[in-house]
Amino acid sequence: MNAIAQIEPTMSSREIAELTAKRHDNVKRTIDKLIESGVITSPQIEEKPTAGRPSVEYLFSGEQGKRDSIVVVAQLSPEFTARLVDRWQELETLQAKRPYPQIPQSFAEALQLAANQAKLLEEQAPKVEFFDKLVDRDTLMNAGQVAQKHGMSAYRLNKLLDDLGVYNKSVKRGRQFSTWFVERGLGKLRQTELGYSQALFSTAGEAWICKKLNSKQGAA
């Protein structure tokens, strides 16, 4: 029986956007230009359903994908190249720690493996559903929307974030993220229709807040 190949570590164009604190559409335009000029090869394309038009992402995998993603980041923001290399090393380390898939040697073993996998999926379903509801991958959210998901007020959440150094305390009017929070792709600053600056949390930022809230609850 042939061995089952391990799945290669993969990085999406959306993750590149979060790592470099760039808009996803700008990242995709850069990728398209590099493909047209022949600097990188065309990566795999994945469509994800949304409330509006399907969201299209590029997927980089394997040694060629790793090389091409580094070229993309060097074009977008050279200062973030080291961060991308670190992320690839993290993905590859995680992949190396994963065991090879179990290969059943008999029909009975195959049935038992299927039963074990079904039980595992059943146990994980509530967690998957929770995080699917918690994180909307296609939108940025303000503090009030994030706080509402956790049954708390925006004032209370902002107080916690102030204590964690998320907001820049030198800015007296309104709220702006600290530099480290933006550089890690956890938040972005956007202008409202009235021209005011608004601090919004990315997908990674919501997940980061969730971990902080869970750790505080566990310590209580």
N, C-alpha and C. Protein backbone atom coordinates (compact mmCIF):
# COMPACT_ATOMS: atom_id res chain seq x y z
N MET A 1 0.86 -1.20 0.00
CA MET A 1 0.00 0.00 0.00
C MET A 1 0.89 1.24 0.00
N ASN A 2 0.60 2.20 -0.84
CA ASN A 2 1.41 3.41 -0.93
C ASN A 2 1.21 4.27 0.30
N ALA A 3 2.27 4.92 0.75
CA ALA A 3 2.19 5.83 1.90
C ALA A 3 1.42 7.07 1.51
N ILE A 4 0.75 7.65 2.49
CA ILE A 4 0.00 8.88 2.26
C ILE A 4 0.93 10.07 2.45
N ALA A 5 1.05 10.94 1.47
CA ALA A 5 1.97 12.08 1.55
C ALA A 5 1.47 13.12 2.54
N GLN A 6 2.41 13.76 3.23
CA GLN A 6 2.04 14.83 4.15
C GLN A 6 1.62 16.07 3.36
N ILE A 7 0.71 16.79 3.93
CA ILE A 7 0.27 18.05 3.31
C ILE A 7 1.33 19.10 3.54
N GLU A 8 1.72 19.82 2.49
CA GLU A 8 2.76 20.83 2.60
C GLU A 8 2.24 22.06 3.34
N PRO A 9 3.11 22.73 4.10
CA PRO A 9 2.72 24.01 4.72
C PRO A 9 2.31 24.99 3.64
N THR A 10 1.25 25.73 3.90
CA THR A 10 0.72 26.67 2.91
C THR A 10 0.49 28.03 3.54
N MET A 11 0.78 29.08 2.77
CA MET A 11 0.53 30.44 3.22
C MET A 11 -0.34 31.14 2.18
N SER A 12 -1.38 31.82 2.64
CA SER A 12 -2.29 32.50 1.71
C SER A 12 -1.91 33.96 1.54
N SER A 13 -2.42 34.56 0.47
CA SER A 13 -2.19 35.99 0.24
C SER A 13 -2.83 36.83 1.34
N ARG A 14 -3.91 36.32 1.96
CA ARG A 14 -4.53 37.07 3.06
C ARG A 14 -3.62 37.08 4.28
N GLU A 15 -2.94 35.96 4.54
CA GLU A 15 -2.01 35.94 5.68
C GLU A 15 -0.83 36.86 5.41
N ILE A 16 -0.38 36.92 4.16
CA ILE A 16 0.70 37.85 3.80
C ILE A 16 0.25 39.29 4.06
N ALA A 17 -1.01 39.59 3.72
CA ALA A 17 -1.54 40.93 3.96
C ALA A 17 -1.54 41.27 5.44
N GLU A 18 -1.90 40.30 6.28
CA GLU A 18 -1.94 40.54 7.73
C GLU A 18 -0.53 40.67 8.29
N LEU A 19 0.42 39.90 7.78
CA LEU A 19 1.80 39.97 8.26
C LEU A 19 2.45 41.31 7.90
N THR A 20 2.08 41.87 6.76
CA THR A 20 2.69 43.12 6.29
C THR A 20 1.83 44.35 6.55
N ALA A 21 0.66 44.14 7.18
CA ALA A 21 -0.27 45.24 7.48
C ALA A 21 -0.68 45.98 6.20
N LYS A 22 -0.90 45.22 5.12
CA LYS A 22 -1.34 45.79 3.84
C LYS A 22 -2.75 45.31 3.53
N ARG A 23 -3.45 46.07 2.66
CA ARG A 23 -4.77 45.64 2.20
C ARG A 23 -4.61 44.40 1.32
N HIS A 24 -5.55 43.46 1.48
CA HIS A 24 -5.47 42.22 0.72
C HIS A 24 -5.53 42.47 -0.78
N ASP A 25 -6.36 43.42 -1.22
CA ASP A 25 -6.46 43.68 -2.66
C ASP A 25 -5.15 44.24 -3.20
N ASN A 26 -4.41 45.03 -2.39
CA ASN A 26 -3.11 45.54 -2.84
C ASN A 26 -2.09 44.41 -2.96
N VAL A 27 -2.16 43.47 -2.03
CA VAL A 27 -1.26 42.31 -2.09
C VAL A 27 -1.53 41.50 -3.36
N LYS A 28 -2.81 41.28 -3.67
CA LYS A 28 -3.15 40.50 -4.86
C LYS A 28 -2.72 41.22 -6.14
N ARG A 29 -2.83 42.56 -6.16
CA ARG A 29 -2.38 43.30 -7.35
C ARG A 29 -0.88 43.15 -7.54
N THR A 30 -0.14 43.19 -6.44
CA THR A 30 1.32 43.01 -6.52
C THR A 30 1.65 41.62 -7.06
N ILE A 31 0.94 40.62 -6.57
CA ILE A 31 1.15 39.25 -7.04
C ILE A 31 0.87 39.14 -8.54
N ASP A 32 -0.24 39.75 -8.99
CA ASP A 32 -0.61 39.71 -10.41
C ASP A 32 0.48 40.34 -11.28
N LYS A 33 1.04 41.47 -10.83
CA LYS A 33 2.08 42.16 -11.60
C LYS A 33 3.34 41.31 -11.69
N LEU A 34 3.70 40.65 -10.58
CA LEU A 34 4.90 39.81 -10.57
C LEU A 34 4.71 38.58 -11.44
N ILE A 35 3.47 38.06 -11.50
CA ILE A 35 3.18 36.92 -12.39
C ILE A 35 3.31 37.36 -13.84
N GLU A 36 2.72 38.52 -14.17
CA GLU A 36 2.76 39.02 -15.55
C GLU A 36 4.19 39.27 -16.02
N SER A 37 5.05 39.74 -15.11
CA SER A 37 6.43 40.04 -15.48
C SER A 37 7.32 38.80 -15.45
N GLY A 38 6.77 37.66 -15.02
CA GLY A 38 7.52 36.42 -15.00
C GLY A 38 8.47 36.26 -13.84
N VAL A 39 8.34 37.13 -12.83
CA VAL A 39 9.23 37.06 -11.67
C VAL A 39 8.86 35.89 -10.76
N ILE A 40 7.55 35.61 -10.64
CA ILE A 40 7.09 34.48 -9.85
C ILE A 40 6.15 33.62 -10.69
N THR A 41 5.93 32.40 -10.27
CA THR A 41 4.98 31.53 -10.96
C THR A 41 3.57 31.77 -10.42
N SER A 42 2.58 31.41 -11.19
CA SER A 42 1.20 31.62 -10.77
C SER A 42 0.83 30.63 -9.68
N PRO A 43 0.47 31.13 -8.47
CA PRO A 43 0.12 30.21 -7.38
C PRO A 43 -1.30 29.67 -7.53
N GLN A 44 -1.62 28.72 -6.68
CA GLN A 44 -2.98 28.16 -6.67
C GLN A 44 -3.97 29.23 -6.23
N ILE A 45 -5.17 29.21 -6.79
CA ILE A 45 -6.22 30.18 -6.45
C ILE A 45 -7.35 29.47 -5.73
N GLU A 46 -7.81 30.07 -4.65
CA GLU A 46 -8.91 29.49 -3.87
C GLU A 46 -10.01 30.53 -3.70
N GLU A 47 -11.25 30.14 -3.97
CA GLU A 47 -12.40 31.02 -3.77
C GLU A 47 -13.10 30.65 -2.48
N LYS A 48 -13.41 31.68 -1.67
CA LYS A 48 -14.13 31.44 -0.43
C LYS A 48 -15.45 32.19 -0.48
N PRO A 49 -16.57 31.52 -0.19
CA PRO A 49 -17.88 32.18 -0.26
C PRO A 49 -18.02 33.27 0.79
N THR A 50 -18.64 34.38 0.41
CA THR A 50 -18.93 35.47 1.34
C THR A 50 -20.37 35.92 1.13
N ALA A 51 -20.79 36.92 1.91
CA ALA A 51 -22.14 37.45 1.76
C ALA A 51 -22.33 38.13 0.40
N GLY A 52 -21.23 38.68 -0.15
CA GLY A 52 -21.28 39.33 -1.45
C GLY A 52 -20.60 38.48 -2.51
N ARG A 53 -19.60 39.09 -3.19
CA ARG A 53 -18.85 38.34 -4.19
C ARG A 53 -17.88 37.38 -3.50
N PRO A 54 -17.58 36.24 -4.13
CA PRO A 54 -16.63 35.29 -3.52
C PRO A 54 -15.27 35.96 -3.31
N SER A 55 -14.63 35.64 -2.20
CA SER A 55 -13.32 36.18 -1.89
C SER A 55 -12.25 35.26 -2.50
N VAL A 56 -11.35 35.83 -3.28
CA VAL A 56 -10.31 35.06 -3.96
C VAL A 56 -8.99 35.24 -3.22
N GLU A 57 -8.31 34.13 -2.94
CA GLU A 57 -7.01 34.17 -2.28
C GLU A 57 -6.02 33.36 -3.09
N TYR A 58 -4.74 33.78 -3.05
CA TYR A 58 -3.66 33.00 -3.63
C TYR A 58 -3.05 32.13 -2.53
N LEU A 59 -2.68 30.90 -2.89
CA LEU A 59 -2.08 29.97 -1.93
C LEU A 59 -0.66 29.62 -2.37
N PHE A 60 0.31 29.87 -1.49
CA PHE A 60 1.71 29.56 -1.76
C PHE A 60 2.10 28.32 -0.95
N SER A 61 2.68 27.32 -1.60
CA SER A 61 3.11 26.11 -0.90
C SER A 61 4.35 25.55 -1.56
N GLY A 62 5.05 24.69 -0.82
CA GLY A 62 6.26 24.09 -1.34
C GLY A 62 7.41 25.08 -1.40
N GLU A 63 8.56 24.62 -1.85
CA GLU A 63 9.75 25.47 -1.93
C GLU A 63 9.55 26.63 -2.90
N GLN A 64 8.86 26.35 -4.05
CA GLN A 64 8.61 27.41 -5.02
C GLN A 64 7.69 28.47 -4.43
N GLY A 65 6.64 28.02 -3.73
CA GLY A 65 5.72 28.97 -3.12
C GLY A 65 6.38 29.80 -2.04
N LYS A 66 7.25 29.17 -1.25
CA LYS A 66 7.99 29.89 -0.21
C LYS A 66 8.86 30.98 -0.84
N ARG A 67 9.57 30.60 -1.90
CA ARG A 67 10.44 31.56 -2.58
C ARG A 67 9.63 32.72 -3.16
N ASP A 68 8.50 32.39 -3.82
CA ASP A 68 7.69 33.43 -4.46
C ASP A 68 7.05 34.36 -3.44
N SER A 69 6.61 33.81 -2.30
CA SER A 69 6.00 34.66 -1.27
C SER A 69 7.00 35.65 -0.71
N ILE A 70 8.27 35.23 -0.58
CA ILE A 70 9.31 36.13 -0.09
C ILE A 70 9.54 37.26 -1.10
N VAL A 71 9.51 36.92 -2.39
CA VAL A 71 9.64 37.94 -3.43
C VAL A 71 8.50 38.95 -3.34
N VAL A 72 7.27 38.46 -3.11
CA VAL A 72 6.10 39.33 -3.00
C VAL A 72 6.26 40.30 -1.84
N VAL A 73 6.67 39.81 -0.67
CA VAL A 73 6.82 40.66 0.50
C VAL A 73 7.96 41.65 0.32
N ALA A 74 9.04 41.21 -0.32
CA ALA A 74 10.15 42.12 -0.59
C ALA A 74 9.70 43.28 -1.49
N GLN A 75 8.75 43.00 -2.38
CA GLN A 75 8.19 44.04 -3.25
C GLN A 75 7.26 44.96 -2.47
N LEU A 76 6.46 44.39 -1.57
CA LEU A 76 5.48 45.17 -0.80
C LEU A 76 6.15 46.00 0.29
N SER A 77 6.87 45.33 1.17
CA SER A 77 7.48 45.97 2.32
C SER A 77 8.74 45.21 2.69
N PRO A 78 9.90 45.65 2.20
CA PRO A 78 11.15 44.92 2.47
C PRO A 78 11.41 44.70 3.96
N GLU A 79 10.95 45.64 4.80
CA GLU A 79 11.22 45.52 6.24
C GLU A 79 10.48 44.34 6.88
N PHE A 80 9.46 43.79 6.18
CA PHE A 80 8.70 42.68 6.74
C PHE A 80 9.19 41.32 6.23
N THR A 81 10.25 41.30 5.41
CA THR A 81 10.73 40.04 4.85
C THR A 81 11.15 39.07 5.95
N ALA A 82 11.85 39.58 6.96
CA ALA A 82 12.30 38.71 8.06
C ALA A 82 11.11 38.09 8.78
N ARG A 83 10.04 38.86 8.94
CA ARG A 83 8.84 38.33 9.60
C ARG A 83 8.24 37.19 8.79
N LEU A 84 8.24 37.32 7.47
CA LEU A 84 7.69 36.26 6.63
C LEU A 84 8.54 34.99 6.72
N VAL A 85 9.86 35.15 6.70
CA VAL A 85 10.75 34.00 6.83
C VAL A 85 10.51 33.30 8.16
N ASP A 86 10.33 34.08 9.23
CA ASP A 86 10.05 33.51 10.54
C ASP A 86 8.74 32.71 10.52
N ARG A 87 7.74 33.25 9.82
CA ARG A 87 6.44 32.58 9.75
C ARG A 87 6.56 31.26 8.99
N TRP A 88 7.34 31.23 7.91
CA TRP A 88 7.54 29.99 7.16
C TRP A 88 8.24 28.95 8.03
N GLN A 89 9.24 29.40 8.80
CA GLN A 89 9.93 28.47 9.69
C GLN A 89 8.99 27.91 10.74
N GLU A 90 8.07 28.77 11.23
CA GLU A 90 7.07 28.31 12.20
C GLU A 90 6.16 27.26 11.59
N LEU A 91 5.68 27.51 10.36
CA LEU A 91 4.80 26.56 9.68
C LEU A 91 5.52 25.23 9.44
N GLU A 92 6.78 25.30 9.02
CA GLU A 92 7.51 24.08 8.73
C GLU A 92 7.82 23.30 10.00
N THR A 93 8.08 24.01 11.10
CA THR A 93 8.32 23.34 12.38
C THR A 93 7.06 22.62 12.86
N LEU A 94 5.91 23.29 12.73
CA LEU A 94 4.65 22.66 13.11
C LEU A 94 4.38 21.42 12.26
N GLN A 95 4.67 21.53 10.95
CA GLN A 95 4.44 20.40 10.06
C GLN A 95 5.33 19.23 10.42
N ALA A 96 6.58 19.51 10.80
CA ALA A 96 7.53 18.46 11.14
C ALA A 96 7.10 17.70 12.40
N LYS A 97 6.38 18.39 13.29
CA LYS A 97 5.95 17.76 14.54
C LYS A 97 4.71 16.90 14.36
N ARG A 98 4.00 17.08 13.25
CA ARG A 98 2.78 16.31 13.03
C ARG A 98 3.12 14.89 12.59
N PRO A 99 2.49 13.89 13.15
CA PRO A 99 2.78 12.51 12.75
C PRO A 99 2.20 12.23 11.37
N TYR A 100 2.83 11.29 10.67
CA TYR A 100 2.29 10.87 9.38
C TYR A 100 0.93 10.22 9.60
N PRO A 101 0.02 10.36 8.66
CA PRO A 101 -1.30 9.75 8.81
C PRO A 101 -1.20 8.25 9.02
N GLN A 102 -2.05 7.75 9.87
CA GLN A 102 -2.07 6.30 10.14
C GLN A 102 -2.62 5.56 8.92
N ILE A 103 -1.90 4.52 8.49
CA ILE A 103 -2.32 3.75 7.32
C ILE A 103 -2.87 2.41 7.80
N PRO A 104 -4.16 2.17 7.65
CA PRO A 104 -4.72 0.89 8.11
C PRO A 104 -4.17 -0.27 7.29
N GLN A 105 -3.89 -1.37 7.99
CA GLN A 105 -3.33 -2.55 7.34
C GLN A 105 -4.38 -3.62 7.07
N SER A 106 -5.61 -3.41 7.56
CA SER A 106 -6.67 -4.38 7.33
C SER A 106 -8.01 -3.64 7.27
N PHE A 107 -9.05 -4.37 6.84
CA PHE A 107 -10.38 -3.77 6.76
C PHE A 107 -10.87 -3.36 8.15
N ALA A 108 -10.56 -4.19 9.17
CA ALA A 108 -10.99 -3.88 10.54
C ALA A 108 -10.31 -2.61 11.05
N GLU A 109 -9.02 -2.45 10.74
CA GLU A 109 -8.30 -1.25 11.15
C GLU A 109 -8.87 -0.02 10.44
N ALA A 110 -9.25 -0.18 9.18
CA ALA A 110 -9.82 0.94 8.43
C ALA A 110 -11.14 1.39 9.05
N LEU A 111 -11.97 0.43 9.45
CA LEU A 111 -13.23 0.77 10.11
C LEU A 111 -13.00 1.48 11.43
N GLN A 112 -12.01 0.99 12.21
CA GLN A 112 -11.72 1.60 13.51
C GLN A 112 -11.19 3.02 13.33
N LEU A 113 -10.33 3.23 12.32
CA LEU A 113 -9.79 4.55 12.05
C LEU A 113 -10.89 5.52 11.67
N ALA A 114 -11.83 5.07 10.83
CA ALA A 114 -12.96 5.91 10.43
C ALA A 114 -13.82 6.28 11.63
N ALA A 115 -14.04 5.30 12.52
CA ALA A 115 -14.84 5.56 13.72
C ALA A 115 -14.15 6.56 14.63
N ASN A 116 -12.83 6.44 14.79
CA ASN A 116 -12.07 7.37 15.63
C ASN A 116 -12.11 8.79 15.07
N GLN A 117 -11.98 8.92 13.75
CA GLN A 117 -12.01 10.23 13.12
C GLN A 117 -13.38 10.88 13.23
N ALA A 118 -14.44 10.07 13.09
CA ALA A 118 -15.81 10.59 13.22
C ALA A 118 -16.04 11.10 14.64
N LYS A 119 -15.54 10.35 15.63
CA LYS A 119 -15.70 10.77 17.03
C LYS A 119 -14.95 12.07 17.29
N LEU A 120 -13.74 12.19 16.74
CA LEU A 120 -12.93 13.40 16.92
C LEU A 120 -13.62 14.61 16.31
N LEU A 121 -14.18 14.46 15.11
CA LEU A 121 -14.89 15.56 14.46
C LEU A 121 -16.11 15.98 15.27
N GLU A 122 -16.79 15.01 15.84
CA GLU A 122 -17.97 15.29 16.66
C GLU A 122 -17.59 16.08 17.91
N GLU A 123 -16.46 15.72 18.51
CA GLU A 123 -16.00 16.42 19.72
C GLU A 123 -15.53 17.83 19.41
N GLN A 124 -14.95 18.03 18.23
CA GLN A 124 -14.41 19.34 17.86
C GLN A 124 -15.45 20.27 17.29
N ALA A 125 -16.61 19.76 16.89
CA ALA A 125 -17.63 20.57 16.21
C ALA A 125 -18.03 21.83 16.99
N PRO A 126 -18.30 21.74 18.32
CA PRO A 126 -18.68 22.97 19.05
C PRO A 126 -17.61 24.04 19.01
N LYS A 127 -16.31 23.63 19.12
CA LYS A 127 -15.22 24.60 19.09
C LYS A 127 -15.12 25.26 17.72
N VAL A 128 -15.24 24.45 16.68
CA VAL A 128 -15.17 24.99 15.31
C VAL A 128 -16.30 25.98 15.07
N GLU A 129 -17.51 25.63 15.50
CA GLU A 129 -18.66 26.51 15.32
C GLU A 129 -18.46 27.82 16.07
N PHE A 130 -17.89 27.73 17.30
CA PHE A 130 -17.68 28.94 18.10
C PHE A 130 -16.73 29.90 17.39
N PHE A 131 -15.59 29.38 16.92
CA PHE A 131 -14.61 30.26 16.29
C PHE A 131 -15.07 30.75 14.93
N ASP A 132 -15.89 29.97 14.21
CA ASP A 132 -16.46 30.44 12.95
C ASP A 132 -17.36 31.65 13.20
N LYS A 133 -18.12 31.61 14.30
CA LYS A 133 -18.99 32.73 14.64
C LYS A 133 -18.19 33.91 15.18
N LEU A 134 -17.11 33.58 15.90
CA LEU A 134 -16.32 34.63 16.54
C LEU A 134 -15.59 35.48 15.52
N VAL A 135 -15.02 34.85 14.50
CA VAL A 135 -14.16 35.55 13.56
C VAL A 135 -14.78 35.61 12.17
N ASP A 136 -15.02 36.81 11.69
CA ASP A 136 -15.47 37.03 10.33
C ASP A 136 -14.24 37.42 9.52
N ARG A 137 -13.80 36.54 8.61
CA ARG A 137 -12.53 36.72 7.95
C ARG A 137 -12.55 37.85 6.90
N ASP A 138 -13.70 38.32 6.52
CA ASP A 138 -13.75 39.28 5.43
C ASP A 138 -14.08 40.69 5.88
N THR A 139 -14.14 40.96 7.18
CA THR A 139 -14.48 42.29 7.65
C THR A 139 -13.57 42.69 8.80
N LEU A 140 -13.39 44.00 8.95
CA LEU A 140 -12.72 44.56 10.11
C LEU A 140 -13.80 44.96 11.10
N MET A 141 -13.50 44.91 12.39
CA MET A 141 -14.51 45.18 13.41
C MET A 141 -13.99 46.19 14.41
N ASN A 142 -14.93 47.02 14.94
CA ASN A 142 -14.54 47.97 15.97
C ASN A 142 -14.63 47.31 17.34
N ALA A 143 -14.20 48.04 18.36
CA ALA A 143 -14.16 47.48 19.71
C ALA A 143 -15.55 47.08 20.20
N GLY A 144 -16.57 47.86 19.84
CA GLY A 144 -17.93 47.55 20.28
C GLY A 144 -18.42 46.22 19.73
N GLN A 145 -18.11 45.96 18.46
CA GLN A 145 -18.54 44.70 17.85
C GLN A 145 -17.81 43.50 18.44
N VAL A 146 -16.51 43.67 18.71
CA VAL A 146 -15.74 42.59 19.32
C VAL A 146 -16.24 42.34 20.74
N ALA A 147 -16.48 43.43 21.49
CA ALA A 147 -16.93 43.30 22.88
C ALA A 147 -18.28 42.60 22.95
N GLN A 148 -19.17 42.91 22.00
CA GLN A 148 -20.51 42.31 22.00
C GLN A 148 -20.44 40.80 21.88
N LYS A 149 -19.46 40.28 21.15
CA LYS A 149 -19.33 38.83 20.99
C LYS A 149 -19.00 38.15 22.31
N HIS A 150 -18.43 38.91 23.22
CA HIS A 150 -18.03 38.35 24.51
C HIS A 150 -18.96 38.80 25.64
N GLY A 151 -20.07 39.44 25.30
CA GLY A 151 -21.04 39.85 26.29
C GLY A 151 -20.52 40.91 27.25
N MET A 152 -19.72 41.82 26.74
CA MET A 152 -19.18 42.88 27.58
C MET A 152 -19.32 44.21 26.86
N SER A 153 -19.12 45.31 27.59
CA SER A 153 -19.25 46.64 27.00
C SER A 153 -17.95 47.03 26.30
N ALA A 154 -18.07 47.96 25.33
CA ALA A 154 -16.89 48.45 24.63
C ALA A 154 -15.97 49.19 25.62
N TYR A 155 -16.57 49.88 26.61
CA TYR A 155 -15.77 50.60 27.60
C TYR A 155 -14.87 49.63 28.37
N ARG A 156 -15.46 48.52 28.80
CA ARG A 156 -14.69 47.53 29.58
C ARG A 156 -13.59 46.90 28.74
N LEU A 157 -13.91 46.57 27.46
CA LEU A 157 -12.90 45.98 26.59
C LEU A 157 -11.77 46.97 26.32
N ASN A 158 -12.13 48.23 26.04
CA ASN A 158 -11.11 49.24 25.77
C ASN A 158 -10.22 49.49 26.98
N LYS A 159 -10.81 49.39 28.18
CA LYS A 159 -10.01 49.54 29.41
C LYS A 159 -8.97 48.42 29.49
N LEU A 160 -9.40 47.19 29.17
CA LEU A 160 -8.47 46.06 29.17
C LEU A 160 -7.38 46.26 28.13
N LEU A 161 -7.76 46.72 26.93
CA LEU A 161 -6.79 46.92 25.87
C LEU A 161 -5.82 48.04 26.20
N ASP A 162 -6.31 49.06 26.90
CA ASP A 162 -5.42 50.13 27.38
C ASP A 162 -4.35 49.56 28.30
N ASP A 163 -4.78 48.69 29.22
CA ASP A 163 -3.85 48.08 30.17
C ASP A 163 -2.83 47.19 29.47
N LEU A 164 -3.22 46.60 28.34
CA LEU A 164 -2.33 45.72 27.59
C LEU A 164 -1.44 46.49 26.61
N GLY A 165 -1.59 47.82 26.55
CA GLY A 165 -0.76 48.63 25.68
C GLY A 165 -1.15 48.59 24.22
N VAL A 166 -2.40 48.19 23.94
CA VAL A 166 -2.85 48.10 22.54
C VAL A 166 -2.99 49.48 21.92
N TYR A 167 -3.46 50.45 22.71
CA TYR A 167 -3.67 51.80 22.18
C TYR A 167 -2.48 52.71 22.49
N ASN A 168 -2.24 53.63 21.59
CA ASN A 168 -1.15 54.60 21.74
C ASN A 168 -1.58 55.68 22.73
N LYS A 169 -0.96 55.69 23.91
CA LYS A 169 -1.38 56.61 24.97
C LYS A 169 -0.96 58.06 24.71
N SER A 170 -0.05 58.25 23.75
CA SER A 170 0.37 59.63 23.43
C SER A 170 -0.68 60.37 22.60
N VAL A 171 -1.61 59.61 22.02
CA VAL A 171 -2.69 60.22 21.23
C VAL A 171 -3.85 60.51 22.18
N LYS A 172 -4.16 61.76 22.39
CA LYS A 172 -5.17 62.16 23.36
C LYS A 172 -6.57 62.21 22.77
N ARG A 173 -6.66 62.43 21.47
CA ARG A 173 -7.97 62.56 20.83
C ARG A 173 -8.28 61.31 20.03
N GLY A 174 -9.29 60.58 20.47
CA GLY A 174 -9.63 59.34 19.79
C GLY A 174 -8.68 58.23 20.19
N ARG A 175 -8.80 57.11 19.55
CA ARG A 175 -7.95 55.95 19.85
C ARG A 175 -7.19 55.52 18.61
N GLN A 176 -5.90 55.31 18.79
CA GLN A 176 -5.06 54.79 17.72
C GLN A 176 -4.24 53.64 18.28
N PHE A 177 -4.01 52.64 17.44
CA PHE A 177 -3.25 51.47 17.89
C PHE A 177 -1.78 51.82 18.09
N SER A 178 -1.16 51.11 19.02
CA SER A 178 0.29 51.20 19.17
C SER A 178 0.94 50.59 17.93
N THR A 179 2.16 51.01 17.65
CA THR A 179 2.86 50.55 16.44
C THR A 179 2.99 49.04 16.39
N TRP A 180 3.32 48.41 17.53
CA TRP A 180 3.54 46.96 17.54
C TRP A 180 2.27 46.20 17.17
N PHE A 181 1.09 46.74 17.55
CA PHE A 181 -0.17 46.07 17.29
C PHE A 181 -0.47 46.06 15.78
N VAL A 182 -0.17 47.18 15.12
CA VAL A 182 -0.39 47.28 13.66
C VAL A 182 0.62 46.43 12.91
N GLU A 183 1.89 46.47 13.36
CA GLU A 183 2.95 45.74 12.66
C GLU A 183 2.72 44.23 12.70
N ARG A 184 2.04 43.76 13.74
CA ARG A 184 1.74 42.33 13.83
C ARG A 184 0.47 41.96 13.08
N GLY A 185 -0.13 42.95 12.39
CA GLY A 185 -1.32 42.66 11.59
C GLY A 185 -2.57 42.46 12.42
N LEU A 186 -2.59 42.97 13.67
CA LEU A 186 -3.73 42.76 14.56
C LEU A 186 -4.78 43.85 14.44
N GLY A 187 -4.42 45.01 13.90
CA GLY A 187 -5.38 46.10 13.77
C GLY A 187 -4.98 47.04 12.64
N LYS A 188 -5.98 47.78 12.16
CA LYS A 188 -5.75 48.74 11.07
C LYS A 188 -6.50 50.02 11.38
N LEU A 189 -5.98 51.12 10.85
CA LEU A 189 -6.61 52.43 11.03
C LEU A 189 -7.31 52.81 9.74
N ARG A 190 -8.61 53.09 9.83
CA ARG A 190 -9.40 53.46 8.66
C ARG A 190 -10.10 54.79 8.91
N GLN A 191 -10.41 55.50 7.83
CA GLN A 191 -11.13 56.76 7.95
C GLN A 191 -12.61 56.54 7.71
N THR A 192 -13.45 57.16 8.54
CA THR A 192 -14.89 57.08 8.35
C THR A 192 -15.31 58.02 7.23
N GLU A 193 -16.58 57.98 6.86
CA GLU A 193 -17.10 58.85 5.81
C GLU A 193 -16.98 60.32 6.20
N LEU A 194 -16.94 60.59 7.51
CA LEU A 194 -16.81 61.97 7.99
C LEU A 194 -15.36 62.40 8.15
N GLY A 195 -14.43 61.51 7.82
CA GLY A 195 -13.03 61.87 7.86
C GLY A 195 -12.33 61.59 9.18
N TYR A 196 -13.02 60.93 10.11
CA TYR A 196 -12.41 60.62 11.39
C TYR A 196 -11.65 59.29 11.30
N SER A 197 -10.57 59.18 12.09
CA SER A 197 -9.82 57.93 12.14
C SER A 197 -10.52 56.94 13.05
N GLN A 198 -10.56 55.69 12.66
CA GLN A 198 -11.21 54.65 13.45
C GLN A 198 -10.30 53.43 13.55
N ALA A 199 -10.07 52.98 14.78
CA ALA A 199 -9.24 51.80 15.01
C ALA A 199 -10.09 50.54 14.85
N LEU A 200 -9.71 49.67 13.92
CA LEU A 200 -10.47 48.46 13.63
C LEU A 200 -9.58 47.23 13.79
N PHE A 201 -10.17 46.14 14.25
CA PHE A 201 -9.43 44.92 14.52
C PHE A 201 -9.53 43.96 13.34
N SER A 202 -8.39 43.35 13.00
CA SER A 202 -8.36 42.35 11.93
C SER A 202 -8.76 40.99 12.49
N THR A 203 -8.80 39.99 11.62
CA THR A 203 -9.08 38.63 12.05
C THR A 203 -8.10 38.18 13.12
N ALA A 204 -6.81 38.44 12.86
CA ALA A 204 -5.78 38.07 13.83
C ALA A 204 -5.96 38.83 15.14
N GLY A 205 -6.40 40.10 15.04
CA GLY A 205 -6.62 40.90 16.24
C GLY A 205 -7.75 40.35 17.09
N GLU A 206 -8.83 39.91 16.46
CA GLU A 206 -9.94 39.30 17.21
C GLU A 206 -9.49 38.04 17.93
N ALA A 207 -8.72 37.21 17.23
CA ALA A 207 -8.23 35.97 17.84
C ALA A 207 -7.30 36.28 19.01
N TRP A 208 -6.48 37.33 18.85
CA TRP A 208 -5.55 37.73 19.92
C TRP A 208 -6.33 38.17 21.16
N ILE A 209 -7.39 38.97 20.96
CA ILE A 209 -8.21 39.42 22.08
C ILE A 209 -8.89 38.24 22.75
N CYS A 210 -9.39 37.30 21.94
CA CYS A 210 -10.04 36.11 22.49
C CYS A 210 -9.11 35.35 23.42
N LYS A 211 -7.85 35.17 23.00
CA LYS A 211 -6.88 34.46 23.82
C LYS A 211 -6.63 35.21 25.12
N LYS A 212 -6.51 36.55 25.03
CA LYS A 212 -6.27 37.34 26.25
C LYS A 212 -7.43 37.22 27.23
N LEU A 213 -8.67 37.28 26.72
CA LEU A 213 -9.85 37.17 27.58
C LEU A 213 -9.92 35.79 28.21
N ASN A 214 -9.63 34.75 27.43
CA ASN A 214 -9.66 33.39 27.97
C ASN A 214 -8.59 33.19 29.04
N SER A 215 -7.40 33.79 28.83
CA SER A 215 -6.33 33.64 29.82
C SER A 215 -6.68 34.36 31.12
N LYS A 216 -7.37 35.52 31.01
CA LYS A 216 -7.79 36.25 32.22
C LYS A 216 -8.85 35.47 32.98
N GLN A 217 -9.78 34.84 32.22
CA GLN A 217 -10.83 34.05 32.87
C GLN A 217 -10.23 32.83 33.57
N GLY A 218 -9.21 32.23 32.91
CA GLY A 218 -8.57 31.07 33.51
C GLY A 218 -7.78 31.41 34.76
N ALA A 219 -7.25 32.66 34.81
CA ALA A 219 -6.47 33.08 35.96
C ALA A 219 -7.34 33.54 37.11
N ALA A 220 -8.65 33.83 36.81
CA ALA A 220 -9.55 34.34 37.86
C ALA A 220 -9.91 33.26 38.86
